[in-house]
Protein backbone atom coordinates (compact mmCIF):
# COMPACT_ATOMS: atom_id res chain seq x y z
CA MET A 1 0.03 -0.22 0.10
CA LEU A 2 1.39 3.53 -0.88
CA THR A 3 0.01 6.15 1.54
CA GLN A 4 -0.18 9.82 1.40
CA ASN A 5 2.59 10.20 3.98
CA GLU A 6 4.98 7.84 1.89
CA LEU A 7 4.34 9.97 -1.18
CA LYS A 8 5.09 13.36 0.54
CA ALA A 9 8.19 11.65 2.29
CA ALA A 10 9.37 10.64 -1.12
CA LEU A 11 8.91 14.22 -2.42
CA ARG A 12 10.75 15.80 0.56
CA ALA A 13 13.66 13.29 -0.07
CA ALA A 14 13.84 14.14 -3.61
CA SER A 15 13.55 17.78 -3.20
CA LYS A 16 16.15 17.81 -0.42
CA ALA A 17 18.58 16.13 -2.66
CA ALA A 18 18.08 18.28 -5.66
CA PRO A 19 18.42 21.81 -4.29
CA GLY A 20 17.24 24.56 -6.75
CA ALA A 21 15.55 22.09 -9.07
CA GLU A 22 12.00 21.81 -9.91
CA VAL A 23 11.18 18.23 -8.92
CA THR A 24 8.53 15.97 -9.74
CA VAL A 25 7.90 12.38 -8.19
CA SER A 26 5.66 9.66 -9.88
CA ILE A 27 4.90 6.56 -8.04
CA ASP A 28 3.53 3.43 -9.47
CA ALA A 29 2.76 0.73 -6.96
CA LYS A 30 1.03 -2.78 -7.50
CA GLU A 31 0.28 -5.92 -5.56
CA GLY A 32 -1.35 -8.80 -6.85
CA GLY A 33 -1.11 -12.22 -8.35
CA PHE A 34 -1.96 -14.31 -11.39
CA LEU A 35 -2.95 -17.96 -12.14
CA ARG A 36 -2.40 -19.45 -15.54
CA TYR A 37 -3.82 -22.82 -16.79
CA ALA A 38 -3.67 -24.98 -19.83
CA VAL A 39 -4.95 -28.53 -20.94
CA ASN A 40 -7.33 -28.45 -18.09
CA GLN A 41 -4.68 -27.98 -15.36
CA ALA A 42 -2.88 -25.09 -13.59
CA THR A 43 0.42 -24.33 -15.08
CA GLN A 44 1.86 -21.25 -13.45
CA SER A 45 0.92 -18.99 -10.49
CA GLY A 46 2.61 -16.03 -8.78
CA LEU A 47 2.44 -13.04 -6.44
CA VAL A 48 3.59 -9.69 -7.70
CA SER A 49 4.68 -6.58 -5.47
CA ASP A 50 6.48 -3.71 -7.07
CA ILE A 51 6.91 0.05 -6.62
CA THR A 52 8.52 2.16 -9.09
CA VAL A 53 9.46 5.65 -8.20
CA SER A 54 10.40 8.15 -11.10
CA VAL A 55 12.06 11.29 -10.03
CA THR A 56 12.33 14.34 -12.73
CA CYS A 57 14.57 17.39 -11.99
CA ALA A 58 14.39 20.36 -14.04
CA LEU A 59 16.69 23.21 -14.29
CA GLY A 60 14.98 25.88 -16.29
CA LYS A 61 14.13 23.89 -19.65
CA ARG A 62 16.88 21.15 -18.89
CA HIS A 63 15.47 18.09 -17.23
CA ALA A 64 16.08 14.35 -16.85
CA SER A 65 14.60 11.45 -15.02
CA SER A 66 15.81 8.67 -12.86
CA SER A 67 13.93 5.65 -11.48
CA VAL A 68 14.33 3.06 -8.47
CA HIS A 69 12.24 0.16 -7.27
CA GLY A 70 10.91 0.72 -3.54
CA LEU A 71 10.33 3.44 -1.17
CA ARG A 72 13.77 3.55 0.72
CA LEU A 73 14.31 7.40 1.06
CA ASP A 74 18.01 7.12 0.61
CA ASP A 75 17.38 5.50 -2.84
CA ILE A 76 14.88 8.02 -3.94
CA ALA A 77 17.26 10.83 -2.82
CA GLU A 78 20.05 9.16 -4.74
CA ALA A 79 17.62 9.01 -7.74
CA ALA A 80 16.99 12.68 -7.58
CA ARG A 81 20.72 13.30 -7.43
CA ARG A 82 21.35 11.41 -10.39
CA ALA A 83 18.47 13.08 -12.26
CA LEU A 84 19.81 16.38 -11.26
CA GLN A 85 23.24 15.53 -12.56
CA LEU A 86 21.95 14.27 -16.00
CA ALA A 87 19.63 17.67 -16.15
CA ARG A 88 22.72 19.87 -15.91
CA SER A 89 24.24 18.42 -18.96
CA ALA A 90 21.07 17.85 -20.93
CA PRO A 91 20.24 19.90 -23.97
CA GLU A 92 17.38 22.61 -23.34
CA ASP A 93 13.83 21.20 -24.04
CA PRO A 94 11.92 24.12 -25.70
CA GLU A 95 8.63 22.32 -25.09
CA TRP A 96 9.36 21.83 -21.33
CA LEU A 97 6.86 23.39 -18.84
CA PRO A 98 7.24 23.88 -15.03
CA PRO A 99 5.46 21.15 -12.92
CA LEU A 100 2.00 22.19 -11.95
CA GLY A 101 0.93 23.51 -8.41
CA ALA A 102 -1.73 22.49 -6.12
CA ALA A 103 -5.16 21.46 -7.85
CA SER A 104 -8.40 19.92 -6.41
CA PHE A 105 -10.16 16.73 -7.60
CA LYS A 106 -12.54 14.32 -6.05
CA PRO A 107 -11.23 10.81 -4.87
CA VAL A 108 -12.72 7.94 -7.06
CA PRO A 109 -14.05 5.38 -4.40
CA MET A 110 -15.74 3.19 -7.10
CA ALA A 111 -12.23 2.50 -8.41
CA TRP A 112 -11.59 0.26 -5.28
CA SER A 113 -13.20 -3.02 -4.30
CA ASP A 114 -12.30 -4.74 -0.90
CA ALA A 115 -13.39 -7.95 -2.36
CA VAL A 116 -10.62 -7.98 -5.28
CA ALA A 117 -8.24 -6.31 -2.81
CA GLY A 118 -8.59 -9.34 -0.52
CA LEU A 119 -8.47 -12.03 -3.36
CA SER A 120 -6.28 -14.84 -1.82
CA PRO A 121 -4.52 -17.72 -3.97
CA HIS A 122 -6.92 -20.19 -2.59
CA GLN A 123 -10.02 -18.22 -3.80
CA CYS A 124 -8.30 -17.75 -7.33
CA ALA A 125 -7.42 -21.49 -7.38
CA ALA A 126 -10.99 -22.37 -6.33
CA ALA A 127 -12.61 -20.22 -9.05
CA VAL A 128 -10.10 -21.65 -11.86
CA ALA A 129 -10.78 -24.98 -10.60
CA GLU A 130 -14.52 -24.55 -11.28
CA GLY A 131 -13.85 -23.34 -14.77
CA ILE A 132 -11.81 -26.34 -15.51
CA ALA A 133 -14.26 -28.67 -14.11
CA GLU A 134 -16.80 -27.16 -16.36
CA CYS A 135 -14.50 -27.86 -19.42
CA LYS A 136 -13.91 -31.32 -18.42
CA GLY A 137 -17.50 -32.03 -17.83
CA GLN A 138 -18.23 -30.99 -21.46
CA GLY A 139 -15.50 -33.05 -22.91
CA LEU A 140 -13.51 -29.78 -23.92
CA VAL A 141 -9.91 -28.49 -23.24
CA GLY A 142 -9.65 -25.31 -21.38
CA ALA A 143 -6.87 -22.77 -20.83
CA GLY A 144 -6.88 -19.18 -19.41
CA PHE A 145 -5.37 -16.34 -17.38
CA LEU A 146 -6.68 -14.80 -14.18
CA GLU A 147 -4.89 -11.72 -12.75
CA HIS A 148 -5.78 -9.43 -10.06
CA SER A 149 -4.21 -6.36 -8.46
CA ARG A 150 -4.28 -3.51 -6.18
CA ASN A 151 -2.83 -0.33 -7.66
CA TRP A 152 -1.76 2.99 -6.34
CA GLU A 153 -0.82 6.13 -8.67
CA GLY A 154 0.97 8.94 -6.78
CA TYR A 155 2.01 12.19 -8.38
CA ALA A 156 3.69 15.13 -6.46
CA THR A 157 5.49 18.25 -7.51
CA SER A 158 7.81 20.74 -5.61
CA ALA A 159 5.33 23.28 -7.00
CA GLY A 160 2.63 21.97 -4.66
CA PHE A 161 0.56 19.43 -6.71
CA PHE A 162 -0.22 16.18 -4.69
CA GLY A 163 -2.41 13.41 -6.01
CA LEU A 164 -2.88 9.81 -4.87
CA HIS A 165 -5.39 7.44 -6.50
CA GLN A 166 -5.94 3.75 -5.53
CA SER A 167 -7.76 1.00 -7.75
CA THR A 168 -8.23 -2.61 -7.91
CA ARG A 169 -8.60 -4.70 -11.05
CA VAL A 170 -9.44 -8.28 -11.86
CA GLY A 171 -9.54 -10.04 -15.14
CA LEU A 172 -10.07 -13.68 -16.55
CA THR A 173 -9.63 -14.63 -20.21
CA THR A 174 -10.57 -18.21 -20.93
CA THR A 175 -10.49 -20.44 -24.07
CA ALA A 176 -12.11 -23.72 -24.51
CA ARG A 177 -11.22 -26.11 -27.35
CA THR A 178 -12.46 -29.41 -28.85
CA PRO A 179 -10.19 -32.28 -28.32
CA ASP A 180 -9.53 -32.47 -31.93
CA GLY A 181 -8.65 -28.56 -32.20
CA ALA A 182 -11.28 -28.02 -34.79
CA GLY A 183 -13.50 -25.71 -32.40
CA SER A 184 -12.41 -22.95 -30.05
CA GLY A 185 -14.43 -20.45 -28.08
CA TRP A 186 -13.36 -17.58 -25.86
CA ALA A 187 -14.75 -15.31 -23.12
CA ASP A 188 -13.64 -12.52 -20.87
CA THR A 189 -14.92 -11.44 -17.31
CA GLY A 190 -13.83 -9.05 -14.78
CA GLY A 191 -13.56 -5.31 -13.97
CA VAL A 192 -12.96 -3.36 -10.70
CA GLY A 193 -14.93 -5.50 -8.38
CA SER A 194 -15.97 -9.03 -9.53
CA PHE A 195 -15.62 -11.77 -12.09
CA ASP A 196 -17.42 -14.83 -12.97
CA ALA A 197 -14.90 -17.76 -13.98
CA LEU A 198 -17.87 -20.18 -14.36
CA GLY A 199 -20.12 -18.02 -16.42
CA ALA A 200 -17.22 -17.14 -18.73
CA THR A 201 -16.14 -20.66 -19.07
CA ARG A 202 -19.70 -21.66 -20.03
CA ILE A 203 -19.81 -19.21 -22.72
CA ALA A 204 -16.30 -20.35 -23.96
CA CYS A 205 -17.49 -23.93 -24.12
CA ARG A 206 -20.79 -23.19 -25.90
CA LYS A 207 -18.86 -21.13 -28.75
CA ALA A 208 -16.18 -24.00 -28.80
CA LYS A 209 -18.75 -26.57 -29.82
CA LEU A 210 -20.58 -24.24 -32.11
CA SER A 211 -17.48 -23.43 -33.92
CA LYS A 212 -16.47 -26.87 -34.92
CA GLY A 213 -16.85 -27.77 -38.41
CA ALA A 214 -16.53 -24.23 -39.93
CA ARG A 215 -17.88 -23.96 -43.47
CA PRO A 216 -15.58 -22.09 -45.97
CA LEU A 217 -16.55 -18.54 -46.81
CA GLU A 218 -14.82 -16.17 -49.23
CA ALA A 219 -13.41 -12.90 -48.17
CA GLY A 220 -15.39 -9.61 -48.76
CA HIS A 221 -17.42 -6.80 -47.35
CA TYR A 222 -19.82 -8.21 -45.07
CA PRO A 223 -22.37 -6.84 -42.47
CA VAL A 224 -21.31 -7.96 -38.97
CA VAL A 225 -22.25 -7.95 -35.32
CA LEU A 226 -19.14 -7.42 -33.22
CA GLU A 227 -19.28 -8.59 -29.60
CA PRO A 228 -18.05 -6.07 -27.08
CA ALA A 229 -14.66 -7.52 -26.76
CA ALA A 230 -14.10 -7.07 -30.64
CA VAL A 231 -15.46 -3.50 -30.36
CA SER A 232 -12.92 -2.77 -27.47
CA ASP A 233 -10.00 -4.29 -29.50
CA LEU A 234 -10.49 -1.64 -32.16
CA VAL A 235 -11.75 1.42 -30.23
CA ILE A 236 -8.54 2.04 -28.16
CA TYR A 237 -6.81 2.78 -31.50
CA LEU A 238 -8.95 6.04 -31.30
CA LEU A 239 -6.53 7.37 -28.53
CA GLY A 240 -3.80 8.53 -30.77
CA ALA A 241 -6.24 9.97 -33.11
CA LEU A 242 -7.72 12.00 -30.33
CA ASP A 243 -4.41 13.97 -29.53
CA ALA A 244 -4.60 17.59 -30.82
CA ARG A 245 -1.07 17.66 -31.93
CA ALA A 246 -1.37 14.76 -34.11
CA VAL A 247 -4.63 16.45 -35.35
CA ASP A 248 -3.00 19.67 -36.00
CA GLU A 249 0.11 18.03 -37.76
CA GLY A 250 -1.95 16.06 -40.28
CA ARG A 251 -1.21 12.67 -38.70
CA SER A 252 -4.70 11.89 -37.39
CA CYS A 253 -7.85 10.66 -39.07
CA PHE A 254 -9.37 13.79 -37.65
CA SER A 255 -7.22 15.89 -39.44
CA LYS A 256 -8.21 18.00 -42.57
CA LYS A 257 -6.05 19.62 -45.20
CA GLY A 258 -4.21 22.73 -44.28
CA GLY A 259 -4.04 21.86 -40.60
CA ALA A 260 -7.71 22.22 -39.80
CA SER A 261 -9.39 19.56 -37.70
CA LYS A 262 -12.76 17.79 -37.93
CA VAL A 263 -13.94 19.21 -34.36
CA GLY A 264 -17.59 19.88 -34.87
CA GLU A 265 -18.30 17.44 -37.68
CA ASN A 266 -19.82 13.99 -37.85
CA VAL A 267 -17.02 11.51 -37.83
CA ALA A 268 -18.61 8.36 -36.47
CA GLY A 269 -22.10 8.00 -37.18
CA LYS A 270 -24.11 7.84 -33.84
CA LEU A 271 -20.95 6.88 -31.79
CA THR A 272 -20.67 8.50 -28.12
CA LEU A 273 -16.99 7.90 -26.80
CA SER A 274 -16.60 9.55 -23.34
CA SER A 275 -14.43 9.43 -20.29
CA ASN A 276 -15.73 9.70 -16.75
CA PRO A 277 -13.22 9.06 -13.85
CA TRP A 278 -16.06 8.47 -11.55
CA SER A 279 -18.04 6.19 -13.82
CA PRO A 280 -18.46 2.58 -12.36
CA LEU A 281 -18.22 1.23 -15.83
CA ALA A 282 -14.73 2.45 -16.29
CA PRO A 283 -13.26 4.55 -13.35
CA SER A 284 -9.73 5.94 -13.64
CA ALA A 285 -7.21 8.25 -11.82
CA PRO A 286 -9.02 11.84 -11.52
CA PHE A 287 -5.52 13.33 -12.71
CA ASP A 288 -3.35 12.53 -15.76
CA SER A 289 0.52 11.93 -15.98
CA GLN A 290 0.97 15.54 -16.35
CA GLY A 291 -1.03 16.19 -13.22
CA MET A 292 -3.88 17.78 -14.94
CA PRO A 293 -7.20 17.03 -13.27
CA ARG A 294 -9.63 14.88 -15.36
CA THR A 295 -13.37 15.86 -15.73
CA PRO A 296 -16.19 13.92 -17.29
CA ILE A 297 -15.84 14.60 -20.90
CA HIS A 298 -17.44 13.50 -24.35
CA TRP A 299 -14.73 13.05 -27.00
CA ILE A 300 -17.42 12.18 -29.61
CA GLU A 301 -20.96 12.80 -28.95
CA ASP A 302 -23.72 11.27 -31.27
CA GLY A 303 -21.01 11.01 -33.97
CA ILE A 304 -19.76 14.58 -33.52
CA LEU A 305 -16.06 15.12 -32.84
CA LYS A 306 -16.37 17.42 -29.56
CA ASN A 307 -12.95 17.55 -27.88
CA LEU A 308 -9.30 16.56 -28.28
CA PHE A 309 -6.51 15.81 -25.73
CA VAL A 310 -4.19 18.83 -25.64
CA SER A 311 -1.07 18.71 -23.80
CA ARG A 312 0.36 21.45 -21.64
CA ALA A 313 3.11 22.18 -24.24
CA TRP A 314 0.92 21.76 -27.36
CA ALA A 315 -1.72 24.15 -25.64
CA ARG A 316 0.89 26.69 -25.26
CA LYS A 317 2.07 26.38 -28.77
CA SER A 318 -1.29 26.23 -30.27
CA LYS A 319 -2.81 29.00 -27.97
CA ARG A 320 -5.75 27.11 -26.59
CA ALA A 321 -6.71 25.59 -23.24
CA PRO A 322 -5.11 22.35 -22.15
CA GLN A 323 -7.15 19.11 -21.88
CA ALA A 324 -6.35 16.25 -19.56
CA GLY A 325 -5.27 12.86 -21.25
CA VAL A 326 -7.67 9.92 -21.71
CA GLY A 327 -7.73 7.64 -18.54
CA SER A 328 -10.60 5.31 -19.62
CA LEU A 329 -13.12 4.92 -22.34
CA ILE A 330 -16.78 4.30 -22.45
CA VAL A 331 -18.45 3.55 -25.91
CA SER A 332 -22.02 3.93 -26.41
CA GLY A 333 -24.67 4.40 -28.89
CA PRO A 334 -28.37 5.23 -29.00
CA ALA A 335 -31.24 2.95 -28.14
CA PRO A 336 -29.12 -0.01 -26.85
CA GLN A 337 -30.35 -3.49 -27.97
CA SER A 338 -29.52 -7.09 -26.75
CA LEU A 339 -27.07 -9.09 -28.61
CA GLU A 340 -29.73 -11.36 -29.81
CA SER A 341 -31.70 -8.34 -31.26
CA LEU A 342 -28.70 -7.19 -33.14
CA VAL A 343 -28.19 -10.49 -34.71
CA LYS A 344 -31.94 -10.74 -35.45
CA GLY A 345 -31.70 -7.44 -37.30
CA MET A 346 -29.28 -8.86 -39.83
CA GLU A 347 -30.29 -10.32 -43.02
CA ARG A 348 -26.87 -11.85 -43.82
CA GLY A 349 -23.71 -11.37 -42.26
CA LEU A 350 -21.12 -12.63 -39.54
CA LEU A 351 -21.14 -12.77 -35.92
CA VAL A 352 -17.59 -11.97 -34.52
CA THR A 353 -16.32 -12.89 -31.08
CA ARG A 354 -13.07 -11.03 -30.88
CA PHE A 355 -9.86 -9.95 -32.67
CA TRP A 356 -6.40 -10.82 -32.34
CA TYR A 357 -2.95 -9.26 -33.28
CA VAL A 358 -4.46 -6.04 -34.34
CA ARG A 359 -2.11 -3.56 -35.95
CA MET A 360 -2.21 -0.03 -37.52
CA LEU A 361 -2.14 0.00 -41.35
CA GLU A 362 -2.94 3.75 -42.03
CA PRO A 363 -3.13 6.49 -39.43
CA GLN A 364 -4.71 9.00 -41.68
CA THR A 365 -7.92 6.93 -41.98
CA LEU A 366 -7.21 4.85 -38.81
CA THR A 367 -7.50 1.58 -40.92
CA LEU A 368 -6.26 -1.35 -38.84
CA THR A 369 -5.71 -5.02 -39.74
CA GLY A 370 -5.85 -8.13 -37.59
CA LEU A 371 -7.56 -11.43 -37.41
CA THR A 372 -10.68 -13.04 -36.11
CA ARG A 373 -10.55 -15.61 -33.46
CA ASP A 374 -12.41 -18.17 -31.51
CA GLY A 375 -15.72 -18.10 -33.30
CA VAL A 376 -17.11 -16.41 -36.32
CA PHE A 377 -20.61 -17.57 -37.25
CA LEU A 378 -22.70 -16.96 -40.20
CA VAL A 379 -25.95 -15.27 -39.84
CA GLU A 380 -29.09 -15.83 -42.23
CA LYS A 381 -32.33 -14.01 -41.84
CA GLY A 382 -31.47 -13.17 -38.08
CA GLU A 383 -30.41 -16.73 -37.24
CA VAL A 384 -27.01 -18.14 -36.58
CA VAL A 385 -26.65 -20.97 -39.09
CA GLY A 386 -23.22 -22.15 -38.40
CA PRO A 387 -19.49 -21.35 -38.19
CA VAL A 388 -17.27 -20.23 -40.86
CA ASN A 389 -13.51 -19.89 -41.25
CA ASN A 390 -11.56 -17.05 -39.81
CA PHE A 391 -10.49 -14.00 -41.56
CA ARG A 392 -7.99 -11.23 -41.92
CA PHE A 393 -9.60 -7.90 -41.76
CA ASN A 394 -8.53 -4.40 -43.14
CA GLN A 395 -11.00 -1.82 -41.66
CA SER A 396 -11.23 1.89 -40.91
CA VAL A 397 -12.46 2.36 -37.36
CA PRO A 398 -14.25 5.66 -38.04
CA ARG A 399 -15.90 4.22 -41.18
CA MET A 400 -17.06 1.17 -39.07
CA PHE A 401 -18.84 3.55 -36.65
CA VAL A 402 -20.34 5.59 -39.60
CA ASP A 403 -21.78 2.27 -40.88
CA ALA A 404 -22.98 1.13 -37.34
CA ASP A 405 -26.71 1.05 -37.29
CA ALA A 406 -27.39 -0.46 -33.78
CA TYR A 407 -25.72 -0.74 -30.47
CA GLY A 408 -25.76 -2.90 -27.37
CA SER A 409 -25.32 -1.56 -23.83
CA PRO A 410 -21.69 -0.86 -22.68
CA VAL A 411 -20.24 -3.58 -20.60
CA THR A 412 -16.92 -3.57 -18.53
CA LEU A 413 -14.14 -5.91 -20.04
CA GLY A 414 -11.88 -7.61 -17.62
CA GLY A 415 -8.98 -8.68 -20.08
CA ASN A 416 -7.96 -4.94 -20.90
CA SER A 417 -6.00 -3.99 -17.65
CA TRP A 418 -3.87 -1.03 -19.10
CA LEU A 419 -6.89 1.16 -19.82
CA PRO A 420 -10.29 0.70 -18.28
CA THR A 421 -12.93 0.29 -20.98
CA ALA A 422 -16.61 -0.31 -21.39
CA ALA A 423 -17.88 -1.32 -24.71
CA PRO A 424 -21.01 -2.52 -26.37
CA ALA A 425 -21.76 -5.05 -29.12
CA LEU A 426 -22.60 -3.32 -32.41
CA ARG A 427 -24.04 -4.01 -35.89
CA CYS A 428 -22.29 -2.70 -38.80
CA SER A 429 -23.59 -2.76 -42.29
CA SER A 430 -20.13 -3.36 -44.09
CA PHE A 431 -16.97 -4.71 -42.71
CA PHE A 432 -14.12 -5.66 -44.88
CA MET A 433 -12.74 -9.14 -44.32
CA ALA A 434 -9.82 -9.04 -46.70
CA SER A 435 -8.71 -12.60 -46.69
CA LYS A 436 -9.40 -16.10 -45.29
CA SER A 437 -7.27 -17.45 -42.25
CA ASP A 438 -7.01 -21.05 -41.55
CA ALA A 439 -6.42 -20.75 -37.98
CA VAL A 440 -9.18 -21.76 -35.46
């Protein structure tokens, strides 16, 4: 556990060791554990405890950083002396700004769960054992990864800023396969406060059985229903596109020729993309990595691009107000429907479980490539008629949202630990499956 007193003591030790410098101390602390299983048996487990302290010292526009592990004040002071020495010989950074001073923000109690904070190895083993037993009982082969953690983010400056945020996170991803390897299903569960290993395993088992005996289907443009995990796999790539600097420099899909932006224009159909540190769906720290307080914000509202992330340095250069960075994402659309209703509304198309190995193809259109995995099903006249082969896709994310005609309700996803995300299923009228993939 990282306490307020420990964060203050770290800042004092660093400031004392670097007289005359502007000092910033950033602390990331994590305690937790994991359990990996495969072939219906546990294969690896562990407990993790780590504290990383990063000290930045600035002399005017010359600055440098040094990091240590642990909260020993002597080590933190040595890191500060090392950063100060490096800063003295560093070149001037024209974009450097002094650290921020005191700021007020509300704590985020919904980011913490005592139940997850108190998870024991025995509880994790019991949950995984229940999932393994379900796989065995259905004659399938199970594998997965369960991870849980208690996290603390501390940020303090010699100018007077002081922020401490604590959170918990638990996530389980599980795969079930038929013994002959011809069918594979996948599911994800978790979030801030709970997970359902048995429920996720049952979903994975059902999909494994349904996906066996996939019929060949040619590549092409298809209507699709994407499940929440598939939507989450793509939407996180909007983060870079929302950076005001990337937009102004013409590197974003939200850029226009001549240096203008698409702010105020419809860029994504009926999509609403928001961040809210106090949302129980996807809570985050109430301050960003620069110490700017976060507020609830719509980045895209009903398809209209409303706001961009503006770093302090770019705000000064572009003469606009700074805007704190993204700490979480909530994806939503109008009139949410159930997954079953989304499928029933599709005359002929594909139901996609998730994507894998997603990579950028073209930033200016935010076109991504990747592979479908663990269950792709053909839908005809609103009914799932059977499994089909996997595909490699090439798809513009904004175009996908423009072509989306219906949404589900956003759900919290457990497998994505680095950025809290809540995403819905959605139905899209055209999605480009560029080629067939032989993988299951």
